[in-house]
Amino acid sequence: MNDLIEIRWHGRGGQGAKTASLLLADAAFNTGKYIQGFPEYGPERMGAPLTAYNRISEKPITIHSNIYEPDYVVVVDDTLLTSVPVTDGLKESGAIVINTTKTPEELRKLLKGYNGNIYTIDAKKVSLETLGKYFPNTPMLAAIVKVAGIMTDEELLDDMKKSFKHKFAKKPEVIDGNMKALEMALKEVKKI
């Protein structure tokens, strides 16, 4: 892992991008890293575009601003590719991770000349198969951890199992599905 990894999340209200960024921050913290995880809202309503951020480092973080030149971008909803400039400032040495079923050709057109690495995952398929409902945040969390190498798969799974037991203490029946979603997403994310 680099000394400092900066991640920008693009999603819509209600899709869990903010929650995923906060879960990532907690998991990275639990592996001994310094972290930041915070959202930025526009009009606060279900379905409105929102942005969330993570900074993860081996050293104390002294920057306290939004992230303008991320190493990685996570796009939770591919409809944002036509309405939000998701690649603005994205370092070509990093990558973009997109929840999509679009072809590589369609994506390259939509990304308007971005020459860095592009990874895709069908988070809808993963969440429907493992959770029975469409919750893209859990698969996207696993995908960015895998792509960015923030921690090992085992560290992520161990930490998330503990986190889910706490988070879903009153709904333990959803823990297995979320764990399966993480496991499946770690295998399903693909570089195009």
N, C-alpha and C. Protein backbone atom coordinates (compact mmCIF):
# COMPACT_ATOMS: atom_id res chain seq x y z
N MET A 1 0.84 -1.19 0.00
CA MET A 1 0.00 0.00 0.00
C MET A 1 0.88 1.25 0.00
N ASN A 2 0.48 2.26 -0.76
CA ASN A 2 1.19 3.55 -0.75
C ASN A 2 1.07 4.19 0.62
N ASP A 3 1.90 5.20 0.89
CA ASP A 3 1.81 5.91 2.16
C ASP A 3 0.43 6.51 2.38
N LEU A 4 -0.18 7.01 1.31
CA LEU A 4 -1.50 7.62 1.41
C LEU A 4 -2.32 7.22 0.19
N ILE A 5 -3.49 6.64 0.44
CA ILE A 5 -4.43 6.31 -0.63
C ILE A 5 -5.64 7.20 -0.44
N GLU A 6 -6.05 7.86 -1.53
CA GLU A 6 -7.24 8.71 -1.50
C GLU A 6 -8.28 8.13 -2.45
N ILE A 7 -9.50 7.98 -1.94
CA ILE A 7 -10.59 7.36 -2.68
C ILE A 7 -11.78 8.30 -2.68
N ARG A 8 -12.39 8.45 -3.86
CA ARG A 8 -13.63 9.23 -3.97
C ARG A 8 -14.74 8.28 -4.42
N TRP A 9 -15.85 8.30 -3.71
CA TRP A 9 -17.02 7.47 -4.01
C TRP A 9 -18.09 8.34 -4.66
N HIS A 10 -18.72 7.82 -5.73
CA HIS A 10 -19.87 8.47 -6.35
C HIS A 10 -21.04 7.51 -6.28
N GLY A 11 -22.14 7.96 -5.71
CA GLY A 11 -23.34 7.14 -5.63
C GLY A 11 -24.56 8.03 -5.58
N ARG A 12 -25.67 7.42 -5.30
CA ARG A 12 -26.92 8.16 -5.13
C ARG A 12 -27.41 7.90 -3.71
N GLY A 13 -28.12 8.87 -3.16
CA GLY A 13 -28.65 8.74 -1.82
C GLY A 13 -29.46 7.45 -1.69
N GLY A 14 -29.17 6.67 -0.67
CA GLY A 14 -29.89 5.43 -0.44
C GLY A 14 -29.19 4.19 -0.96
N GLN A 15 -28.09 4.35 -1.71
CA GLN A 15 -27.37 3.19 -2.25
C GLN A 15 -26.26 2.70 -1.33
N GLY A 16 -25.96 3.46 -0.30
CA GLY A 16 -24.97 3.00 0.66
C GLY A 16 -23.54 3.40 0.40
N ALA A 17 -23.29 4.36 -0.49
CA ALA A 17 -21.91 4.80 -0.75
C ALA A 17 -21.30 5.40 0.52
N LYS A 18 -22.06 6.22 1.21
CA LYS A 18 -21.55 6.81 2.45
C LYS A 18 -21.25 5.73 3.48
N THR A 19 -22.17 4.80 3.64
CA THR A 19 -21.97 3.71 4.60
C THR A 19 -20.75 2.88 4.22
N ALA A 20 -20.59 2.56 2.94
CA ALA A 20 -19.44 1.77 2.50
C ALA A 20 -18.14 2.51 2.79
N SER A 21 -18.10 3.82 2.56
CA SER A 21 -16.87 4.57 2.83
C SER A 21 -16.55 4.57 4.32
N LEU A 22 -17.57 4.63 5.16
CA LEU A 22 -17.35 4.60 6.61
C LEU A 22 -16.94 3.20 7.08
N LEU A 23 -17.52 2.15 6.49
CA LEU A 23 -17.10 0.79 6.81
C LEU A 23 -15.67 0.54 6.39
N LEU A 24 -15.28 1.07 5.23
CA LEU A 24 -13.90 0.94 4.78
C LEU A 24 -12.95 1.63 5.75
N ALA A 25 -13.33 2.82 6.20
CA ALA A 25 -12.49 3.54 7.16
C ALA A 25 -12.32 2.73 8.44
N ASP A 26 -13.42 2.17 8.95
CA ASP A 26 -13.34 1.36 10.17
C ASP A 26 -12.46 0.13 9.98
N ALA A 27 -12.63 -0.55 8.85
CA ALA A 27 -11.85 -1.77 8.60
C ALA A 27 -10.37 -1.44 8.47
N ALA A 28 -10.04 -0.36 7.77
CA ALA A 28 -8.63 0.04 7.63
C ALA A 28 -8.05 0.44 8.98
N PHE A 29 -8.83 1.15 9.78
CA PHE A 29 -8.39 1.54 11.13
C PHE A 29 -8.07 0.30 11.97
N ASN A 30 -8.90 -0.71 11.84
CA ASN A 30 -8.72 -1.93 12.62
C ASN A 30 -7.50 -2.74 12.19
N THR A 31 -6.92 -2.41 11.04
CA THR A 31 -5.67 -3.06 10.62
C THR A 31 -4.47 -2.18 10.95
N GLY A 32 -4.70 -1.12 11.73
CA GLY A 32 -3.60 -0.29 12.20
C GLY A 32 -3.29 0.92 11.35
N LYS A 33 -4.16 1.22 10.39
CA LYS A 33 -3.91 2.36 9.52
C LYS A 33 -4.57 3.63 10.06
N TYR A 34 -4.09 4.76 9.60
CA TYR A 34 -4.73 6.04 9.88
C TYR A 34 -5.78 6.24 8.81
N ILE A 35 -6.91 6.82 9.19
CA ILE A 35 -8.03 6.87 8.25
C ILE A 35 -8.80 8.18 8.33
N GLN A 36 -9.51 8.45 7.24
CA GLN A 36 -10.57 9.45 7.20
C GLN A 36 -11.67 8.88 6.32
N GLY A 37 -12.90 9.10 6.70
CA GLY A 37 -14.05 8.69 5.89
C GLY A 37 -15.15 9.70 6.12
N PHE A 38 -15.58 10.38 5.05
CA PHE A 38 -16.58 11.43 5.23
C PHE A 38 -17.37 11.65 3.94
N PRO A 39 -18.64 12.04 4.07
CA PRO A 39 -19.48 12.30 2.90
C PRO A 39 -19.54 13.79 2.57
N GLU A 40 -19.99 14.06 1.36
CA GLU A 40 -20.32 15.43 0.94
C GLU A 40 -21.68 15.34 0.26
N TYR A 41 -22.61 16.13 0.71
CA TYR A 41 -23.97 16.07 0.18
C TYR A 41 -24.26 17.27 -0.69
N GLY A 42 -25.09 17.03 -1.70
CA GLY A 42 -25.71 18.12 -2.43
C GLY A 42 -27.11 18.22 -1.85
N PRO A 43 -28.13 18.27 -2.71
CA PRO A 43 -29.49 18.25 -2.18
C PRO A 43 -29.72 16.90 -1.50
N GLU A 44 -30.05 16.93 -0.23
CA GLU A 44 -30.15 15.69 0.54
C GLU A 44 -31.50 15.02 0.32
N ARG A 45 -31.53 14.12 -0.65
CA ARG A 45 -32.75 13.37 -0.89
C ARG A 45 -32.39 12.01 -1.50
N MET A 46 -33.28 11.08 -1.32
CA MET A 46 -33.09 9.75 -1.87
C MET A 46 -32.91 9.85 -3.38
N GLY A 47 -31.88 9.22 -3.89
CA GLY A 47 -31.62 9.20 -5.33
C GLY A 47 -30.75 10.34 -5.84
N ALA A 48 -30.51 11.35 -5.01
CA ALA A 48 -29.66 12.47 -5.45
C ALA A 48 -28.19 12.04 -5.42
N PRO A 49 -27.39 12.55 -6.37
CA PRO A 49 -25.96 12.21 -6.36
C PRO A 49 -25.30 12.66 -5.06
N LEU A 50 -24.40 11.82 -4.57
CA LEU A 50 -23.61 12.20 -3.41
C LEU A 50 -22.19 11.71 -3.61
N THR A 51 -21.30 12.32 -2.87
CA THR A 51 -19.88 11.97 -2.94
C THR A 51 -19.41 11.65 -1.53
N ALA A 52 -18.59 10.63 -1.40
CA ALA A 52 -17.98 10.29 -0.11
C ALA A 52 -16.49 10.10 -0.36
N TYR A 53 -15.72 10.18 0.70
CA TYR A 53 -14.27 10.14 0.56
C TYR A 53 -13.63 9.25 1.61
N ASN A 54 -12.46 8.71 1.25
CA ASN A 54 -11.60 8.00 2.20
C ASN A 54 -10.16 8.42 1.98
N ARG A 55 -9.47 8.59 3.08
CA ARG A 55 -8.01 8.67 3.07
C ARG A 55 -7.54 7.55 3.98
N ILE A 56 -6.56 6.79 3.51
CA ILE A 56 -6.02 5.68 4.28
C ILE A 56 -4.50 5.76 4.17
N SER A 57 -3.84 5.69 5.34
CA SER A 57 -2.40 5.90 5.35
C SER A 57 -1.72 5.07 6.43
N GLU A 58 -0.44 4.83 6.22
CA GLU A 58 0.40 4.18 7.23
C GLU A 58 0.89 5.22 8.25
N LYS A 59 0.75 6.50 7.90
CA LYS A 59 1.23 7.60 8.75
C LYS A 59 0.07 8.52 9.10
N PRO A 60 0.22 9.34 10.14
CA PRO A 60 -0.86 10.30 10.47
C PRO A 60 -1.23 11.16 9.26
N ILE A 61 -2.52 11.45 9.13
CA ILE A 61 -3.03 12.25 8.01
C ILE A 61 -3.24 13.68 8.49
N THR A 62 -2.61 14.62 7.80
CA THR A 62 -2.72 16.02 8.21
C THR A 62 -3.57 16.84 7.25
N ILE A 63 -4.06 16.23 6.19
CA ILE A 63 -4.90 16.92 5.22
C ILE A 63 -6.35 16.83 5.70
N HIS A 64 -7.08 17.94 5.63
CA HIS A 64 -8.49 17.94 6.06
C HIS A 64 -9.32 18.70 5.03
N SER A 65 -9.46 18.10 3.85
CA SER A 65 -10.25 18.72 2.78
C SER A 65 -10.89 17.60 1.97
N ASN A 66 -11.73 18.00 1.03
CA ASN A 66 -12.24 17.02 0.08
C ASN A 66 -11.06 16.50 -0.73
N ILE A 67 -11.30 15.47 -1.50
CA ILE A 67 -10.25 14.87 -2.32
C ILE A 67 -10.47 15.28 -3.77
N TYR A 68 -9.49 15.99 -4.32
CA TYR A 68 -9.62 16.52 -5.67
C TYR A 68 -8.81 15.73 -6.69
N GLU A 69 -7.81 14.99 -6.24
CA GLU A 69 -7.00 14.16 -7.14
C GLU A 69 -6.88 12.75 -6.54
N PRO A 70 -7.98 11.99 -6.60
CA PRO A 70 -7.99 10.67 -5.97
C PRO A 70 -7.12 9.66 -6.70
N ASP A 71 -6.67 8.68 -5.92
CA ASP A 71 -5.97 7.53 -6.52
C ASP A 71 -6.98 6.57 -7.12
N TYR A 72 -8.15 6.50 -6.47
CA TYR A 72 -9.20 5.58 -6.89
C TYR A 72 -10.55 6.29 -6.84
N VAL A 73 -11.42 5.90 -7.77
CA VAL A 73 -12.80 6.36 -7.77
C VAL A 73 -13.69 5.13 -7.80
N VAL A 74 -14.72 5.14 -6.97
CA VAL A 74 -15.71 4.06 -6.94
C VAL A 74 -17.03 4.65 -7.43
N VAL A 75 -17.61 4.04 -8.45
CA VAL A 75 -18.90 4.49 -8.99
C VAL A 75 -19.93 3.42 -8.67
N VAL A 76 -20.80 3.73 -7.72
CA VAL A 76 -21.79 2.77 -7.24
C VAL A 76 -22.97 2.66 -8.20
N ASP A 77 -23.22 3.69 -9.00
CA ASP A 77 -24.35 3.72 -9.92
C ASP A 77 -23.85 4.21 -11.28
N ASP A 78 -23.84 3.34 -12.28
CA ASP A 78 -23.25 3.72 -13.57
C ASP A 78 -24.05 4.78 -14.33
N THR A 79 -25.28 5.11 -13.89
CA THR A 79 -26.00 6.22 -14.54
C THR A 79 -25.30 7.55 -14.25
N LEU A 80 -24.48 7.58 -13.22
CA LEU A 80 -23.73 8.80 -12.90
C LEU A 80 -22.64 9.09 -13.92
N LEU A 81 -22.26 8.10 -14.71
CA LEU A 81 -21.20 8.30 -15.71
C LEU A 81 -21.58 9.36 -16.74
N THR A 82 -22.90 9.56 -16.94
CA THR A 82 -23.35 10.55 -17.93
C THR A 82 -23.69 11.90 -17.29
N SER A 83 -23.75 11.96 -15.95
CA SER A 83 -24.18 13.22 -15.33
C SER A 83 -23.17 13.82 -14.35
N VAL A 84 -22.18 13.06 -13.95
CA VAL A 84 -21.19 13.53 -12.99
C VAL A 84 -19.80 13.28 -13.58
N PRO A 85 -18.90 14.25 -13.52
CA PRO A 85 -17.54 14.03 -14.07
C PRO A 85 -16.70 13.16 -13.13
N VAL A 86 -16.97 11.86 -13.13
CA VAL A 86 -16.39 10.94 -12.16
C VAL A 86 -14.87 10.82 -12.27
N THR A 87 -14.31 11.08 -13.44
CA THR A 87 -12.85 10.94 -13.59
C THR A 87 -12.10 12.24 -13.34
N ASP A 88 -12.78 13.32 -12.99
CA ASP A 88 -12.09 14.58 -12.72
C ASP A 88 -11.01 14.38 -11.66
N GLY A 89 -9.78 14.72 -12.03
CA GLY A 89 -8.66 14.65 -11.10
C GLY A 89 -8.15 13.25 -10.83
N LEU A 90 -8.80 12.21 -11.35
CA LEU A 90 -8.39 10.83 -11.08
C LEU A 90 -7.02 10.55 -11.68
N LYS A 91 -6.11 10.12 -10.83
CA LYS A 91 -4.75 9.81 -11.28
C LYS A 91 -4.78 8.60 -12.20
N GLU A 92 -4.08 8.69 -13.32
CA GLU A 92 -4.04 7.56 -14.25
C GLU A 92 -3.23 6.41 -13.69
N SER A 93 -2.47 6.64 -12.63
CA SER A 93 -1.74 5.55 -11.97
C SER A 93 -2.65 4.77 -11.04
N GLY A 94 -3.86 5.27 -10.81
CA GLY A 94 -4.83 4.60 -9.95
C GLY A 94 -5.81 3.80 -10.78
N ALA A 95 -7.09 3.87 -10.39
CA ALA A 95 -8.10 3.10 -11.12
C ALA A 95 -9.49 3.61 -10.77
N ILE A 96 -10.42 3.27 -11.64
CA ILE A 96 -11.83 3.51 -11.38
C ILE A 96 -12.51 2.15 -11.28
N VAL A 97 -13.40 2.00 -10.30
CA VAL A 97 -14.13 0.75 -10.07
C VAL A 97 -15.61 1.07 -10.25
N ILE A 98 -16.25 0.40 -11.22
CA ILE A 98 -17.61 0.76 -11.60
C ILE A 98 -18.57 -0.43 -11.43
N ASN A 99 -19.70 -0.17 -10.82
CA ASN A 99 -20.80 -1.13 -10.75
C ASN A 99 -21.55 -1.02 -12.07
N THR A 100 -21.36 -2.01 -12.94
CA THR A 100 -21.95 -1.90 -14.27
C THR A 100 -22.01 -3.25 -14.97
N THR A 101 -22.85 -3.31 -16.00
CA THR A 101 -22.86 -4.44 -16.92
C THR A 101 -22.52 -3.96 -18.33
N LYS A 102 -22.11 -2.70 -18.45
CA LYS A 102 -21.77 -2.13 -19.75
C LYS A 102 -20.50 -2.80 -20.30
N THR A 103 -20.37 -2.78 -21.63
CA THR A 103 -19.18 -3.36 -22.27
C THR A 103 -17.98 -2.42 -22.09
N PRO A 104 -16.78 -2.95 -22.23
CA PRO A 104 -15.59 -2.09 -22.15
C PRO A 104 -15.65 -0.92 -23.15
N GLU A 105 -16.17 -1.17 -24.33
CA GLU A 105 -16.27 -0.11 -25.34
C GLU A 105 -17.22 1.00 -24.89
N GLU A 106 -18.37 0.62 -24.35
CA GLU A 106 -19.34 1.61 -23.84
C GLU A 106 -18.71 2.43 -22.71
N LEU A 107 -18.00 1.76 -21.83
CA LEU A 107 -17.40 2.46 -20.69
C LEU A 107 -16.32 3.44 -21.15
N ARG A 108 -15.47 3.01 -22.06
CA ARG A 108 -14.40 3.91 -22.53
C ARG A 108 -14.98 5.18 -23.16
N LYS A 109 -16.09 5.02 -23.88
CA LYS A 109 -16.76 6.19 -24.45
C LYS A 109 -17.26 7.12 -23.35
N LEU A 110 -17.90 6.54 -22.35
CA LEU A 110 -18.47 7.33 -21.26
C LEU A 110 -17.39 7.99 -20.38
N LEU A 111 -16.22 7.37 -20.32
CA LEU A 111 -15.14 7.91 -19.47
C LEU A 111 -14.30 8.95 -20.20
N LYS A 112 -14.66 9.26 -21.43
CA LYS A 112 -14.12 10.39 -22.19
C LYS A 112 -12.60 10.52 -22.12
N GLY A 113 -11.91 9.47 -22.52
CA GLY A 113 -10.46 9.56 -22.64
C GLY A 113 -9.67 9.22 -21.39
N TYR A 114 -10.30 8.77 -20.32
CA TYR A 114 -9.54 8.36 -19.15
C TYR A 114 -8.69 7.15 -19.54
N ASN A 115 -7.39 7.23 -19.29
CA ASN A 115 -6.46 6.19 -19.74
C ASN A 115 -5.96 5.27 -18.63
N GLY A 116 -6.46 5.45 -17.41
CA GLY A 116 -6.02 4.61 -16.31
C GLY A 116 -6.75 3.27 -16.31
N ASN A 117 -6.51 2.51 -15.26
CA ASN A 117 -7.13 1.18 -15.13
C ASN A 117 -8.61 1.30 -14.82
N ILE A 118 -9.37 0.40 -15.43
CA ILE A 118 -10.82 0.37 -15.24
C ILE A 118 -11.19 -1.03 -14.76
N TYR A 119 -11.91 -1.08 -13.64
CA TYR A 119 -12.39 -2.35 -13.09
C TYR A 119 -13.91 -2.30 -13.03
N THR A 120 -14.53 -3.44 -13.26
CA THR A 120 -15.99 -3.50 -13.19
C THR A 120 -16.43 -4.66 -12.30
N ILE A 121 -17.63 -4.50 -11.79
CA ILE A 121 -18.30 -5.56 -11.05
C ILE A 121 -19.79 -5.34 -11.23
N ASP A 122 -20.52 -6.43 -11.35
CA ASP A 122 -21.98 -6.36 -11.40
C ASP A 122 -22.48 -6.51 -9.96
N ALA A 123 -22.48 -5.40 -9.23
CA ALA A 123 -22.88 -5.43 -7.82
C ALA A 123 -24.35 -5.78 -7.65
N LYS A 124 -25.15 -5.51 -8.68
CA LYS A 124 -26.57 -5.88 -8.60
C LYS A 124 -26.71 -7.39 -8.58
N LYS A 125 -26.00 -8.05 -9.49
CA LYS A 125 -26.03 -9.52 -9.55
C LYS A 125 -25.54 -10.11 -8.23
N VAL A 126 -24.41 -9.60 -7.73
CA VAL A 126 -23.83 -10.11 -6.49
C VAL A 126 -24.82 -9.95 -5.34
N SER A 127 -25.39 -8.75 -5.20
CA SER A 127 -26.28 -8.53 -4.05
C SER A 127 -27.59 -9.30 -4.19
N LEU A 128 -28.13 -9.43 -5.39
CA LEU A 128 -29.37 -10.20 -5.55
C LEU A 128 -29.14 -11.68 -5.25
N GLU A 129 -27.99 -12.21 -5.68
CA GLU A 129 -27.69 -13.62 -5.44
C GLU A 129 -27.41 -13.92 -3.97
N THR A 130 -26.81 -12.97 -3.26
CA THR A 130 -26.39 -13.24 -1.89
C THR A 130 -27.31 -12.65 -0.83
N LEU A 131 -27.97 -11.54 -1.16
CA LEU A 131 -28.82 -10.86 -0.19
C LEU A 131 -30.30 -10.91 -0.53
N GLY A 132 -30.60 -11.22 -1.80
CA GLY A 132 -31.99 -11.26 -2.23
C GLY A 132 -32.59 -9.90 -2.53
N LYS A 133 -31.80 -8.84 -2.34
CA LYS A 133 -32.22 -7.45 -2.63
C LYS A 133 -31.02 -6.71 -3.20
N TYR A 134 -31.31 -5.56 -3.78
CA TYR A 134 -30.25 -4.77 -4.40
C TYR A 134 -29.64 -3.79 -3.40
N PHE A 135 -28.50 -4.18 -2.83
CA PHE A 135 -27.70 -3.34 -1.95
C PHE A 135 -26.28 -3.32 -2.52
N PRO A 136 -25.94 -2.35 -3.36
CA PRO A 136 -24.64 -2.38 -4.04
C PRO A 136 -23.44 -2.05 -3.16
N ASN A 137 -23.66 -1.47 -1.99
CA ASN A 137 -22.52 -0.99 -1.21
C ASN A 137 -21.60 -2.10 -0.72
N THR A 138 -22.13 -3.22 -0.28
CA THR A 138 -21.27 -4.30 0.22
C THR A 138 -20.36 -4.85 -0.88
N PRO A 139 -20.89 -5.18 -2.07
CA PRO A 139 -19.98 -5.64 -3.13
C PRO A 139 -18.96 -4.56 -3.55
N MET A 140 -19.38 -3.30 -3.56
CA MET A 140 -18.45 -2.24 -3.97
C MET A 140 -17.34 -2.04 -2.93
N LEU A 141 -17.66 -2.23 -1.67
CA LEU A 141 -16.65 -2.16 -0.62
C LEU A 141 -15.58 -3.22 -0.86
N ALA A 142 -15.99 -4.46 -1.09
CA ALA A 142 -15.03 -5.53 -1.35
C ALA A 142 -14.23 -5.25 -2.62
N ALA A 143 -14.89 -4.72 -3.65
CA ALA A 143 -14.20 -4.46 -4.92
C ALA A 143 -13.08 -3.43 -4.75
N ILE A 144 -13.33 -2.34 -4.04
CA ILE A 144 -12.28 -1.32 -3.90
C ILE A 144 -11.14 -1.82 -3.01
N VAL A 145 -11.46 -2.61 -2.00
CA VAL A 145 -10.40 -3.18 -1.16
C VAL A 145 -9.49 -4.07 -2.00
N LYS A 146 -10.10 -4.88 -2.86
CA LYS A 146 -9.33 -5.79 -3.73
C LYS A 146 -8.47 -5.00 -4.71
N VAL A 147 -9.07 -4.03 -5.38
CA VAL A 147 -8.37 -3.26 -6.41
C VAL A 147 -7.24 -2.42 -5.81
N ALA A 148 -7.50 -1.76 -4.69
CA ALA A 148 -6.52 -0.85 -4.10
C ALA A 148 -5.51 -1.56 -3.20
N GLY A 149 -5.76 -2.81 -2.84
CA GLY A 149 -4.84 -3.55 -1.99
C GLY A 149 -4.72 -2.95 -0.59
N ILE A 150 -5.81 -2.43 -0.08
CA ILE A 150 -5.81 -1.75 1.21
C ILE A 150 -5.51 -2.72 2.35
N MET A 151 -5.99 -3.94 2.22
CA MET A 151 -5.76 -4.99 3.21
C MET A 151 -5.95 -6.31 2.50
N THR A 152 -5.63 -7.40 3.14
CA THR A 152 -5.83 -8.70 2.52
C THR A 152 -7.32 -9.05 2.54
N ASP A 153 -7.69 -10.00 1.70
CA ASP A 153 -9.07 -10.47 1.68
C ASP A 153 -9.46 -10.98 3.06
N GLU A 154 -8.56 -11.72 3.70
CA GLU A 154 -8.84 -12.30 5.02
C GLU A 154 -9.05 -11.21 6.07
N GLU A 155 -8.21 -10.16 6.04
CA GLU A 155 -8.38 -9.06 6.98
C GLU A 155 -9.74 -8.39 6.80
N LEU A 156 -10.12 -8.16 5.54
CA LEU A 156 -11.43 -7.56 5.27
C LEU A 156 -12.55 -8.44 5.80
N LEU A 157 -12.52 -9.71 5.45
CA LEU A 157 -13.61 -10.62 5.85
C LEU A 157 -13.70 -10.75 7.36
N ASP A 158 -12.55 -10.88 8.03
CA ASP A 158 -12.56 -10.98 9.50
C ASP A 158 -13.14 -9.72 10.13
N ASP A 159 -12.68 -8.57 9.66
CA ASP A 159 -13.15 -7.32 10.25
C ASP A 159 -14.64 -7.10 9.98
N MET A 160 -15.07 -7.38 8.76
CA MET A 160 -16.46 -7.14 8.41
C MET A 160 -17.40 -8.09 9.15
N LYS A 161 -16.95 -9.32 9.41
CA LYS A 161 -17.79 -10.24 10.18
C LYS A 161 -18.05 -9.66 11.57
N LYS A 162 -17.01 -9.12 12.21
CA LYS A 162 -17.16 -8.50 13.53
C LYS A 162 -18.07 -7.26 13.42
N SER A 163 -17.84 -6.45 12.39
CA SER A 163 -18.62 -5.23 12.20
C SER A 163 -20.09 -5.56 11.97
N PHE A 164 -20.36 -6.54 11.11
CA PHE A 164 -21.74 -6.92 10.82
C PHE A 164 -22.44 -7.49 12.06
N LYS A 165 -21.71 -8.25 12.88
CA LYS A 165 -22.32 -8.79 14.11
C LYS A 165 -22.79 -7.65 15.01
N HIS A 166 -22.00 -6.57 15.05
CA HIS A 166 -22.39 -5.41 15.86
C HIS A 166 -23.50 -4.62 15.18
N LYS A 167 -23.29 -4.30 13.88
CA LYS A 167 -24.23 -3.48 13.13
C LYS A 167 -25.61 -4.14 13.01
N PHE A 168 -25.62 -5.45 12.81
CA PHE A 168 -26.86 -6.17 12.61
C PHE A 168 -27.23 -7.04 13.82
N ALA A 169 -26.92 -6.58 15.01
CA ALA A 169 -27.20 -7.34 16.24
C ALA A 169 -28.68 -7.70 16.34
N LYS A 170 -29.55 -6.82 15.86
CA LYS A 170 -30.99 -7.08 15.94
C LYS A 170 -31.53 -7.76 14.69
N LYS A 171 -30.66 -7.93 13.67
CA LYS A 171 -31.06 -8.63 12.44
C LYS A 171 -29.95 -9.61 12.04
N PRO A 172 -29.63 -10.58 12.88
CA PRO A 172 -28.50 -11.48 12.58
C PRO A 172 -28.68 -12.29 11.30
N GLU A 173 -29.90 -12.39 10.83
CA GLU A 173 -30.16 -13.16 9.61
C GLU A 173 -29.53 -12.54 8.36
N VAL A 174 -29.16 -11.27 8.42
CA VAL A 174 -28.56 -10.63 7.23
C VAL A 174 -27.03 -10.74 7.21
N ILE A 175 -26.43 -11.23 8.28
CA ILE A 175 -24.97 -11.30 8.35
C ILE A 175 -24.41 -12.26 7.31
N ASP A 176 -24.96 -13.47 7.20
CA ASP A 176 -24.44 -14.46 6.25
C ASP A 176 -24.50 -13.94 4.81
N GLY A 177 -25.62 -13.31 4.44
CA GLY A 177 -25.75 -12.78 3.09
C GLY A 177 -24.73 -11.70 2.80
N ASN A 178 -24.49 -10.81 3.76
CA ASN A 178 -23.49 -9.77 3.56
C ASN A 178 -22.08 -10.35 3.45
N MET A 179 -21.79 -11.36 4.24
CA MET A 179 -20.48 -12.02 4.16
C MET A 179 -20.31 -12.70 2.80
N LYS A 180 -21.37 -13.36 2.33
CA LYS A 180 -21.31 -14.00 1.01
C LYS A 180 -21.15 -12.96 -0.10
N ALA A 181 -21.79 -11.80 0.07
CA ALA A 181 -21.64 -10.72 -0.92
C ALA A 181 -20.19 -10.25 -0.99
N LEU A 182 -19.56 -10.08 0.16
CA LEU A 182 -18.14 -9.69 0.18
C LEU A 182 -17.27 -10.74 -0.51
N GLU A 183 -17.47 -12.00 -0.14
CA GLU A 183 -16.66 -13.09 -0.71
C GLU A 183 -16.83 -13.17 -2.23
N MET A 184 -18.08 -13.08 -2.69
CA MET A 184 -18.34 -13.18 -4.11
C MET A 184 -17.75 -11.98 -4.85
N ALA A 185 -17.89 -10.79 -4.27
CA ALA A 185 -17.38 -9.57 -4.92
C ALA A 185 -15.86 -9.61 -5.05
N LEU A 186 -15.18 -10.15 -4.05
CA LEU A 186 -13.72 -10.25 -4.13
C LEU A 186 -13.29 -11.08 -5.35
N LYS A 187 -14.13 -12.03 -5.74
CA LYS A 187 -13.83 -12.89 -6.90
C LYS A 187 -14.34 -12.31 -8.22
N GLU A 188 -15.42 -11.50 -8.14
CA GLU A 188 -16.09 -11.03 -9.35
C GLU A 188 -15.52 -9.76 -9.96
N VAL A 189 -14.83 -8.93 -9.17
CA VAL A 189 -14.31 -7.68 -9.72
C VAL A 189 -13.26 -8.01 -10.79
N LYS A 190 -13.38 -7.34 -11.94
CA LYS A 190 -12.53 -7.66 -13.10
C LYS A 190 -11.94 -6.39 -13.70
N LYS A 191 -10.70 -6.50 -14.15
CA LYS A 191 -10.06 -5.40 -14.88
C LYS A 191 -10.45 -5.54 -16.36
N ILE A 192 -10.80 -4.40 -16.98
CA ILE A 192 -11.12 -4.47 -18.43
C ILE A 192 -9.99 -3.84 -19.23
